[in-house]
Amino acid sequence: MVALNALLITGTDTEVGKTVVTSALLAYWRKYYPQQSIGILKPLQSGEGDRELYQRVFFPDLPLDAIAPQYFEAPLALPLAAALEQRPIDLGVVWNRLQTLIQTHDRVLVEGLGGLGSPVTDEMTVADLAAAWHLPVVLVVPVKLGAIAQAVANVALARQQKVDLRGIILNCNHPLSPEDLERWAPAEMITRLTQTPVLGVCPYLENPESLESLAQAAQGLHLDALGTTQPAMR
């Protein structure tokens, strides 16, 4: 069964802007749909960063382990980080937390680890997890030389694993001119090559923790395809 009120934000790799895009959606939702409750989940995390940011900026009263039920200290691929600590990766804990959030919130944003092809276990990738858990997905592609190839390859992986890919969001990790954007990540070409809609561009944000800037960034995206403008039935 598809999780109608949950959305997985994944990317082509690490450090591509998944956290910025997730934060932008959070800020937008809170500003323009204050009547809706929104939950956040970083299912698995290795190394500090994302769960700490979400707690600091959005959920100061939420324990870190409620944001990221599985946490490993080493900033490595998850199975390697878990092996260093000689601890198992328990997807059951993550699944239970996700189900709780889905049942108690209008919307749930799930930020994936690494990229769509990143390993969750020795035998499962983020794409596998998204397909197994029937999570609608948006793919974040960084605007840089090689963006077209990255988009094509990751959409092919999503299609191979039967992932419910709703669209692509291009993210600017640094200031870019319109000419740079068109040269490196032309939306129309990416859409044609992948047969997947580009939902817009998340601009470079000087202060990625500014709620106003984040909400404004998300306002420029075509969010209907993500299901973020209508509250889910519970």
Protein backbone atom coordinates (compact mmCIF):
# COMPACT_ATOMS: atom_id res chain seq x y z
CA MET A 1 0.00 0.00 0.00
CA VAL A 2 1.36 3.42 -0.99
CA ALA A 3 2.06 5.81 1.89
CA LEU A 4 -0.15 8.60 0.54
CA ASN A 5 0.95 11.17 3.10
CA ALA A 6 4.68 10.42 3.04
CA LEU A 7 7.36 11.56 0.62
CA LEU A 8 10.95 10.36 0.34
CA ILE A 9 13.50 12.98 -0.69
CA THR A 10 16.52 11.26 -2.19
CA GLY A 11 19.35 12.36 -4.43
CA THR A 12 21.95 11.33 -6.93
CA ASP A 13 24.68 11.24 -4.25
CA THR A 14 25.70 12.70 -0.91
CA GLU A 15 25.96 16.48 -0.49
CA VAL A 16 23.59 17.24 -3.36
CA GLY A 17 21.03 19.27 -1.38
CA LYS A 18 18.53 16.76 0.00
CA THR A 19 18.53 18.48 3.39
CA VAL A 20 18.00 21.91 1.86
CA VAL A 21 15.10 20.68 -0.26
CA THR A 22 13.55 18.82 2.68
CA SER A 23 13.95 21.91 4.87
CA ALA A 24 12.42 24.09 2.16
CA LEU A 25 9.35 21.84 1.99
CA LEU A 26 9.09 21.85 5.78
CA ALA A 27 9.30 25.63 5.96
CA TYR A 28 6.82 26.09 3.11
CA TRP A 29 4.32 23.70 4.67
CA ARG A 30 4.52 25.35 8.05
CA LYS A 31 4.05 28.82 6.60
CA TYR A 32 1.26 28.20 4.12
CA TYR A 33 -0.50 25.20 5.71
CA PRO A 34 -0.19 25.84 9.45
CA GLN A 35 -3.28 23.75 10.13
CA GLN A 36 -1.47 20.63 8.94
CA SER A 37 0.89 18.62 11.12
CA ILE A 38 4.12 17.57 9.49
CA GLY A 39 6.53 14.89 10.62
CA ILE A 40 10.19 14.44 9.76
CA LEU A 41 12.20 11.24 9.51
CA LYS A 42 15.84 10.63 8.69
CA PRO A 43 15.50 6.84 8.81
CA LEU A 44 19.20 6.07 9.06
CA GLN A 45 22.13 8.41 9.57
CA SER A 46 25.88 7.94 9.71
CA GLY A 47 27.83 10.92 11.02
CA GLU A 48 26.46 14.16 12.48
CA GLY A 49 24.50 16.66 10.44
CA ASP A 50 20.93 16.21 9.28
CA ARG A 51 19.08 15.11 12.40
CA GLU A 52 20.85 17.83 14.40
CA LEU A 53 19.80 20.48 11.87
CA TYR A 54 16.16 19.37 11.87
CA GLN A 55 16.09 19.46 15.66
CA ARG A 56 17.76 22.87 15.84
CA VAL A 57 15.69 24.59 13.16
CA PHE A 58 12.31 22.85 13.24
CA PHE A 59 11.82 20.43 16.13
CA PRO A 60 13.71 21.63 19.24
CA ASP A 61 11.53 19.50 21.52
CA LEU A 62 11.98 16.29 19.54
CA PRO A 63 14.70 13.84 20.67
CA LEU A 64 17.36 13.08 18.08
CA ASP A 65 16.50 9.38 18.05
CA ALA A 66 12.91 10.26 17.14
CA ILE A 67 14.23 12.04 14.05
CA ALA A 68 16.80 9.37 13.15
CA PRO A 69 15.94 6.02 14.80
CA GLN A 70 19.16 4.42 13.54
CA TYR A 71 22.36 6.44 14.05
CA PHE A 72 26.00 5.48 13.59
CA GLU A 73 28.91 7.78 14.38
CA ALA A 74 31.28 7.20 11.46
CA PRO A 75 30.45 9.29 8.33
CA LEU A 76 30.68 6.27 6.04
CA ALA A 77 28.38 4.15 3.91
CA LEU A 78 25.82 2.81 6.36
CA PRO A 79 26.79 -0.90 6.36
CA LEU A 80 30.43 0.08 6.90
CA ALA A 81 29.57 2.47 9.73
CA ALA A 82 27.42 -0.21 11.39
CA ALA A 83 30.19 -2.80 11.04
CA LEU A 84 32.67 -0.48 12.76
CA GLU A 85 30.36 -0.30 15.78
CA GLN A 86 29.49 -3.98 15.55
CA ARG A 87 25.82 -3.07 15.65
CA PRO A 88 23.06 -4.40 13.42
CA ILE A 89 21.00 -2.24 11.08
CA ASP A 90 17.45 -2.64 12.37
CA LEU A 91 14.98 -1.63 9.67
CA GLY A 92 12.12 -2.79 11.88
CA VAL A 93 12.75 0.12 14.25
CA VAL A 94 12.74 2.52 11.32
CA TRP A 95 9.56 1.02 9.85
CA ASN A 96 7.73 1.31 13.17
CA ARG A 97 8.73 4.96 13.52
CA LEU A 98 7.59 5.69 9.97
CA GLN A 99 4.22 4.05 10.58
CA THR A 100 3.72 6.07 13.75
CA LEU A 101 4.45 9.30 11.90
CA ILE A 102 2.16 8.39 9.00
CA GLN A 103 -0.69 7.65 11.40
CA THR A 104 -0.27 10.78 13.52
CA HIS A 105 0.61 13.48 10.96
CA ASP A 106 -0.98 14.96 7.87
CA ARG A 107 2.31 14.78 6.01
CA VAL A 108 5.65 13.06 6.58
CA LEU A 109 8.91 14.01 4.91
CA VAL A 110 11.55 11.28 4.82
CA GLU A 111 15.10 12.26 3.89
CA GLY A 112 17.04 9.35 2.48
CA LEU A 113 20.67 8.68 3.21
CA GLY A 114 23.22 9.32 0.48
CA GLY A 115 21.89 8.76 -3.01
CA LEU A 116 19.28 6.53 -4.58
CA GLY A 117 21.93 3.85 -5.11
CA SER A 118 23.50 4.17 -1.65
CA PRO A 119 23.56 0.95 0.41
CA VAL A 120 21.18 0.64 3.33
CA THR A 121 22.38 -2.87 4.11
CA ASP A 122 24.78 -5.24 2.37
CA GLU A 123 21.92 -6.29 0.10
CA MET A 124 19.60 -3.29 -0.12
CA THR A 125 19.89 0.22 -1.57
CA VAL A 126 17.81 3.33 -0.93
CA ALA A 127 15.96 2.55 -4.18
CA ASP A 128 15.14 -0.93 -2.89
CA LEU A 129 13.85 0.52 0.37
CA ALA A 130 11.68 3.11 -1.38
CA ALA A 131 10.13 0.40 -3.55
CA ALA A 132 9.62 -2.07 -0.69
CA TRP A 133 7.98 0.55 1.52
CA HIS A 134 5.93 2.06 -1.35
CA LEU A 135 7.19 5.58 -0.72
CA PRO A 136 6.62 8.25 -3.37
CA VAL A 137 9.98 9.78 -4.22
CA VAL A 138 11.46 13.05 -5.43
CA LEU A 139 15.01 13.04 -6.80
CA VAL A 140 17.36 15.93 -6.02
CA VAL A 141 19.96 16.56 -8.73
CA PRO A 142 22.75 19.11 -8.12
CA VAL A 143 23.25 21.71 -10.83
CA LYS A 144 26.77 21.10 -12.08
CA LEU A 145 28.62 19.64 -15.03
CA GLY A 146 27.43 16.04 -15.27
CA ALA A 147 23.94 16.74 -13.91
CA ILE A 148 22.27 15.38 -17.05
CA ALA A 149 24.05 12.04 -16.86
CA GLN A 150 23.40 11.77 -13.12
CA ALA A 151 19.69 12.39 -13.64
CA VAL A 152 19.46 9.84 -16.47
CA ALA A 153 21.32 7.15 -14.50
CA ASN A 154 19.32 7.62 -11.30
CA VAL A 155 15.97 7.69 -13.06
CA ALA A 156 16.98 4.45 -14.81
CA LEU A 157 17.74 2.91 -11.41
CA ALA A 158 14.42 4.12 -10.02
CA ARG A 159 12.60 2.64 -12.99
CA GLN A 160 14.46 -0.65 -12.70
CA GLN A 161 13.48 -0.97 -9.04
CA LYS A 162 9.89 0.18 -9.74
CA VAL A 163 10.21 3.28 -7.55
CA ASP A 164 7.27 5.70 -7.57
CA LEU A 165 9.33 8.68 -8.79
CA ARG A 166 7.20 11.83 -8.80
CA GLY A 167 9.75 14.24 -10.20
CA ILE A 168 13.18 15.85 -10.16
CA ILE A 169 14.24 18.97 -8.28
CA LEU A 170 17.42 20.71 -9.42
CA ASN A 171 19.43 22.17 -6.56
CA CYS A 172 22.03 24.93 -6.65
CA ASN A 173 24.76 24.25 -4.10
CA HIS A 174 26.47 27.54 -4.96
CA PRO A 175 25.50 30.76 -6.77
CA LEU A 176 24.82 30.19 -10.46
CA SER A 177 23.89 32.38 -13.39
CA PRO A 178 20.90 31.54 -15.62
CA GLU A 179 23.45 30.67 -18.31
CA ASP A 180 25.18 28.17 -16.00
CA LEU A 181 21.84 26.59 -15.16
CA GLU A 182 20.91 26.17 -18.80
CA ARG A 183 24.34 24.84 -19.79
CA TRP A 184 24.67 22.32 -16.97
CA ALA A 185 21.12 21.22 -16.19
CA PRO A 186 18.63 22.17 -18.92
CA ALA A 187 15.27 21.16 -17.50
CA GLU A 188 13.61 20.42 -20.83
CA MET A 189 16.41 18.11 -21.94
CA ILE A 190 16.44 16.27 -18.60
CA THR A 191 12.68 15.83 -18.80
CA ARG A 192 12.89 14.45 -22.34
CA LEU A 193 15.77 12.09 -21.60
CA THR A 194 14.31 10.74 -18.35
CA GLN A 195 10.58 11.02 -19.15
CA THR A 196 10.31 12.50 -15.65
CA PRO A 197 9.15 16.05 -14.91
CA VAL A 198 11.60 18.59 -13.53
CA LEU A 199 9.61 20.28 -10.79
CA GLY A 200 11.82 23.34 -10.58
CA VAL A 201 15.07 24.70 -9.24
CA CYS A 202 15.93 25.21 -5.58
CA PRO A 203 18.16 28.31 -5.61
CA TYR A 204 21.37 28.75 -3.68
CA LEU A 205 20.56 29.97 -0.16
CA GLU A 206 23.15 32.01 1.72
CA ASN A 207 21.43 31.06 4.97
CA PRO A 208 19.92 27.57 4.56
CA GLU A 209 18.47 27.81 8.09
CA SER A 210 16.36 30.91 7.35
CA LEU A 211 12.74 29.77 7.45
CA GLU A 212 11.62 32.64 5.22
CA SER A 213 14.27 31.92 2.57
CA LEU A 214 13.50 28.20 2.67
CA ALA A 215 9.75 28.73 2.29
CA GLN A 216 10.33 31.12 -0.61
CA ALA A 217 12.59 28.57 -2.32
CA ALA A 218 9.88 25.89 -2.14
CA GLN A 219 7.24 28.33 -3.35
CA GLY A 220 8.98 28.35 -6.73
CA LEU A 221 8.60 24.58 -7.16
CA HIS A 222 5.73 22.73 -8.84
CA LEU A 223 4.57 20.87 -5.76
CA ASP A 224 1.32 19.34 -7.00
CA ALA A 225 3.14 16.28 -8.30
CA LEU A 226 4.58 15.68 -4.83
CA GLY A 227 1.20 15.70 -3.13
CA THR A 228 2.27 18.45 -0.73
CA THR A 229 -0.63 20.81 -1.26
CA GLN A 230 -3.48 18.57 -0.15
CA PRO A 231 -3.77 17.02 3.33
CA ALA A 232 -3.96 13.27 3.37
CA MET A 233 -7.05 11.42 4.58
CA ARG A 234 -6.43 9.67 7.90
